[in-house]
Amino acid sequence: MTDATTDAHTPYAAHVALRWSDMDAYAHINNVQFLRLLEDARVIAFRDWFDASGAGDKSLLDEGVLVARHEIEYRRPLGFRHAPVEIRMWVSRVGGAGFDVAYIVTDPEGIDPEGTETRGAEVVYAVAETELALYDFASASPRRMRPEERAALQAHRGGPAPFRRRR
């Protein structure tokens, strides 16, 4: 389930299911599995972002886009549950041959996995950002961004990921 939007101030929201195998020995979703959750959310978002723009997600995902860097800040343990997590995401940077996607991993509206009345306080499990590089698999080389891809990404542009500052 997704909530597509072209308002740059409203993040795109992808609902991603957790898997039993995502849990580690501490009964939390393993830190490495968070990167899979982010990947699942990107695939959902790219289908909507690029299909809606006419750019076609097949060209982006099939032609090539590679992860160049991840940064993730774990804020709270996430236990397994049947309800999905909500991954809010937006484009935080657009370059000539790549772009960055920022994320907030939280609960969907109306989901209270711990049975506590949070009364509007949002639970944030992680904040992350991924740097992506456009790549041409046929020529095995980086490639420049096309105008229709740039337009699709600009429609989802927002600020940087809200990381806490390191001291």
Protein backbone atom coordinates (compact mmCIF):
# COMPACT_ATOMS: atom_id res chain seq x y z
CA MET A 1 0.00 0.00 0.00
CA THR A 2 1.43 3.37 -0.96
CA ASP A 3 0.44 6.99 -0.83
CA ALA A 4 1.85 8.65 -3.92
CA THR A 5 2.19 12.40 -3.97
CA THR A 6 3.96 14.97 -6.06
CA ASP A 7 4.03 17.59 -3.30
CA ALA A 8 7.72 18.08 -2.52
CA HIS A 9 6.86 18.92 1.09
CA THR A 10 4.93 15.71 1.70
CA PRO A 11 7.12 12.59 1.68
CA TYR A 12 6.07 9.57 -0.33
CA ALA A 13 4.94 6.74 1.98
CA ALA A 14 5.57 3.06 1.22
CA HIS A 15 4.20 0.39 3.52
CA VAL A 16 6.63 -2.53 3.74
CA ALA A 17 5.91 -5.84 5.44
CA LEU A 18 8.33 -7.33 7.93
CA ARG A 19 9.46 -10.94 7.57
CA TRP A 20 9.90 -13.39 10.45
CA SER A 21 13.43 -14.04 9.19
CA ASP A 22 14.26 -10.31 9.62
CA MET A 23 14.48 -10.87 13.37
CA ASP A 24 17.78 -11.45 15.13
CA ALA A 25 18.61 -13.27 18.38
CA TYR A 26 17.48 -10.22 20.37
CA ALA A 27 13.93 -10.42 18.90
CA HIS A 28 14.46 -7.15 16.98
CA ILE A 29 14.60 -6.55 13.26
CA ASN A 30 18.31 -6.96 12.47
CA ASN A 31 20.17 -3.79 11.54
CA VAL A 32 21.17 -5.22 8.15
CA GLN A 33 17.52 -5.97 7.34
CA PHE A 34 16.71 -2.27 7.58
CA LEU A 35 18.63 -1.84 4.31
CA ARG A 36 16.35 -4.43 2.70
CA LEU A 37 13.31 -2.51 3.96
CA LEU A 38 14.71 0.65 2.37
CA GLU A 39 15.34 -1.20 -0.89
CA ASP A 40 11.78 -2.55 -0.94
CA ALA A 41 10.46 0.97 -0.38
CA ARG A 42 12.64 2.36 -3.22
CA VAL A 43 11.35 -0.25 -5.67
CA ILE A 44 7.75 0.63 -4.75
CA ALA A 45 8.44 4.37 -5.00
CA PHE A 46 10.36 4.20 -8.28
CA ARG A 47 7.49 2.31 -9.92
CA ASP A 48 5.13 5.13 -8.97
CA TRP A 49 7.51 8.06 -9.46
CA PHE A 50 8.77 7.07 -12.89
CA ASP A 51 5.56 5.55 -14.28
CA ALA A 52 3.64 8.71 -13.33
CA SER A 53 6.23 10.90 -15.07
CA GLY A 54 6.36 8.89 -18.27
CA ALA A 55 10.05 8.18 -17.64
CA GLY A 56 9.29 4.47 -17.14
CA ASP A 57 10.72 2.66 -14.13
CA LYS A 58 11.91 -0.18 -16.34
CA SER A 59 14.48 2.09 -17.92
CA LEU A 60 15.79 3.17 -14.51
CA LEU A 61 15.72 -0.20 -12.74
CA ASP A 62 16.54 -2.37 -15.76
CA GLU A 63 19.07 -0.07 -17.39
CA GLY A 64 20.76 0.49 -14.10
CA VAL A 65 20.90 2.27 -10.81
CA LEU A 66 23.48 1.27 -8.21
CA VAL A 67 23.76 1.99 -4.51
CA ALA A 68 26.91 4.03 -3.94
CA ARG A 69 26.49 4.77 -0.23
CA HIS A 70 24.12 4.23 2.70
CA GLU A 71 23.97 6.17 5.93
CA ILE A 72 21.57 5.01 8.61
CA GLU A 73 20.86 6.13 12.14
CA TYR A 74 19.02 3.62 14.31
CA ARG A 75 16.76 5.41 16.75
CA ARG A 76 14.70 2.66 18.37
CA PRO A 77 14.55 -1.16 18.24
CA LEU A 78 11.87 -2.52 15.92
CA GLY A 79 10.31 -5.81 16.97
CA PHE A 80 8.62 -8.23 14.60
CA ARG A 81 4.91 -7.68 14.03
CA HIS A 82 2.36 -8.45 11.35
CA ALA A 83 1.60 -4.79 10.63
CA PRO A 84 3.89 -3.16 8.05
CA VAL A 85 6.24 -0.30 8.73
CA GLU A 86 5.82 2.98 6.92
CA ILE A 87 8.87 4.28 5.13
CA ARG A 88 8.54 7.94 4.28
CA MET A 89 10.92 8.94 1.55
CA TRP A 90 11.89 11.80 -0.68
CA VAL A 91 14.70 12.88 -3.00
CA SER A 92 17.25 14.90 -1.04
CA ARG A 93 19.74 15.59 -3.85
CA VAL A 94 19.72 15.46 -7.65
CA GLY A 95 23.05 15.45 -9.50
CA GLY A 96 24.19 14.93 -13.06
CA ALA A 97 24.59 11.15 -12.84
CA GLY A 98 22.94 10.26 -9.54
CA PHE A 99 20.68 11.26 -6.71
CA ASP A 100 20.08 10.72 -2.99
CA VAL A 101 16.95 9.40 -1.31
CA ALA A 102 16.17 10.21 2.35
CA TYR A 103 13.96 8.04 4.58
CA ILE A 104 12.18 7.92 7.92
CA VAL A 105 11.11 4.45 9.13
CA THR A 106 8.04 4.75 11.35
CA ASP A 107 4.60 3.26 12.02
CA PRO A 108 1.69 3.76 9.64
CA GLU A 109 -1.06 6.01 10.94
CA GLY A 110 -3.35 4.08 13.27
CA ILE A 111 -0.77 1.39 14.08
CA ASP A 112 0.31 1.21 17.70
CA PRO A 113 2.42 -1.97 17.90
CA GLU A 114 3.08 -1.66 21.62
CA GLY A 115 -0.52 -0.96 22.59
CA THR A 116 0.40 2.37 24.13
CA GLU A 117 -1.49 5.55 23.42
CA THR A 118 1.25 7.74 21.99
CA ARG A 119 -1.15 10.66 21.55
CA GLY A 120 0.53 12.09 18.49
CA ALA A 121 4.15 11.29 19.38
CA GLU A 122 5.67 9.66 16.32
CA VAL A 123 7.84 6.60 16.85
CA VAL A 124 10.89 6.76 14.58
CA TYR A 125 12.88 3.53 14.21
CA ALA A 126 15.49 4.82 11.78
CA VAL A 127 16.53 7.75 9.62
CA ALA A 128 18.57 7.00 6.52
CA GLU A 129 19.89 8.29 3.23
CA THR A 130 21.02 6.38 0.14
CA GLU A 131 23.24 7.75 -2.62
CA LEU A 132 22.35 6.19 -5.98
CA ALA A 133 24.41 6.27 -9.18
CA LEU A 134 22.88 5.85 -12.64
CA TYR A 135 24.53 3.03 -14.54
CA ASP A 136 24.29 1.55 -18.03
CA PHE A 137 24.51 -2.24 -17.66
CA ALA A 138 24.86 -2.68 -21.44
CA SER A 139 28.07 -0.62 -21.60
CA ALA A 140 29.13 -1.34 -18.00
CA SER A 141 29.63 2.36 -17.31
CA PRO A 142 28.04 5.26 -15.44
CA ARG A 143 25.56 7.36 -17.37
CA ARG A 144 24.10 10.87 -17.22
CA MET A 145 20.57 11.59 -16.03
CA ARG A 146 17.94 12.12 -18.72
CA PRO A 147 15.60 15.17 -18.55
CA GLU A 148 12.49 13.05 -17.86
CA GLU A 149 14.27 11.26 -15.00
CA ARG A 150 15.37 14.59 -13.54
CA ALA A 151 11.79 15.92 -13.74
CA ALA A 152 10.43 12.80 -11.99
CA LEU A 153 12.97 13.16 -9.19
CA GLN A 154 12.47 16.92 -8.79
CA ALA A 155 8.75 16.27 -8.23
CA HIS A 156 9.72 14.44 -5.00
CA ARG A 157 12.44 16.83 -3.85
CA GLY A 158 12.74 17.70 -0.18
CA GLY A 159 15.40 18.57 2.35
CA PRO A 160 18.21 16.43 3.73
CA ALA A 161 17.59 13.42 5.96
CA PRO A 162 16.96 14.60 9.55
CA PHE A 163 20.00 12.96 11.12
CA ARG A 164 20.98 13.95 14.63
CA ARG A 165 24.26 15.82 14.63
CA ARG A 166 27.35 13.97 15.77
CA ARG A 167 29.43 15.65 18.44
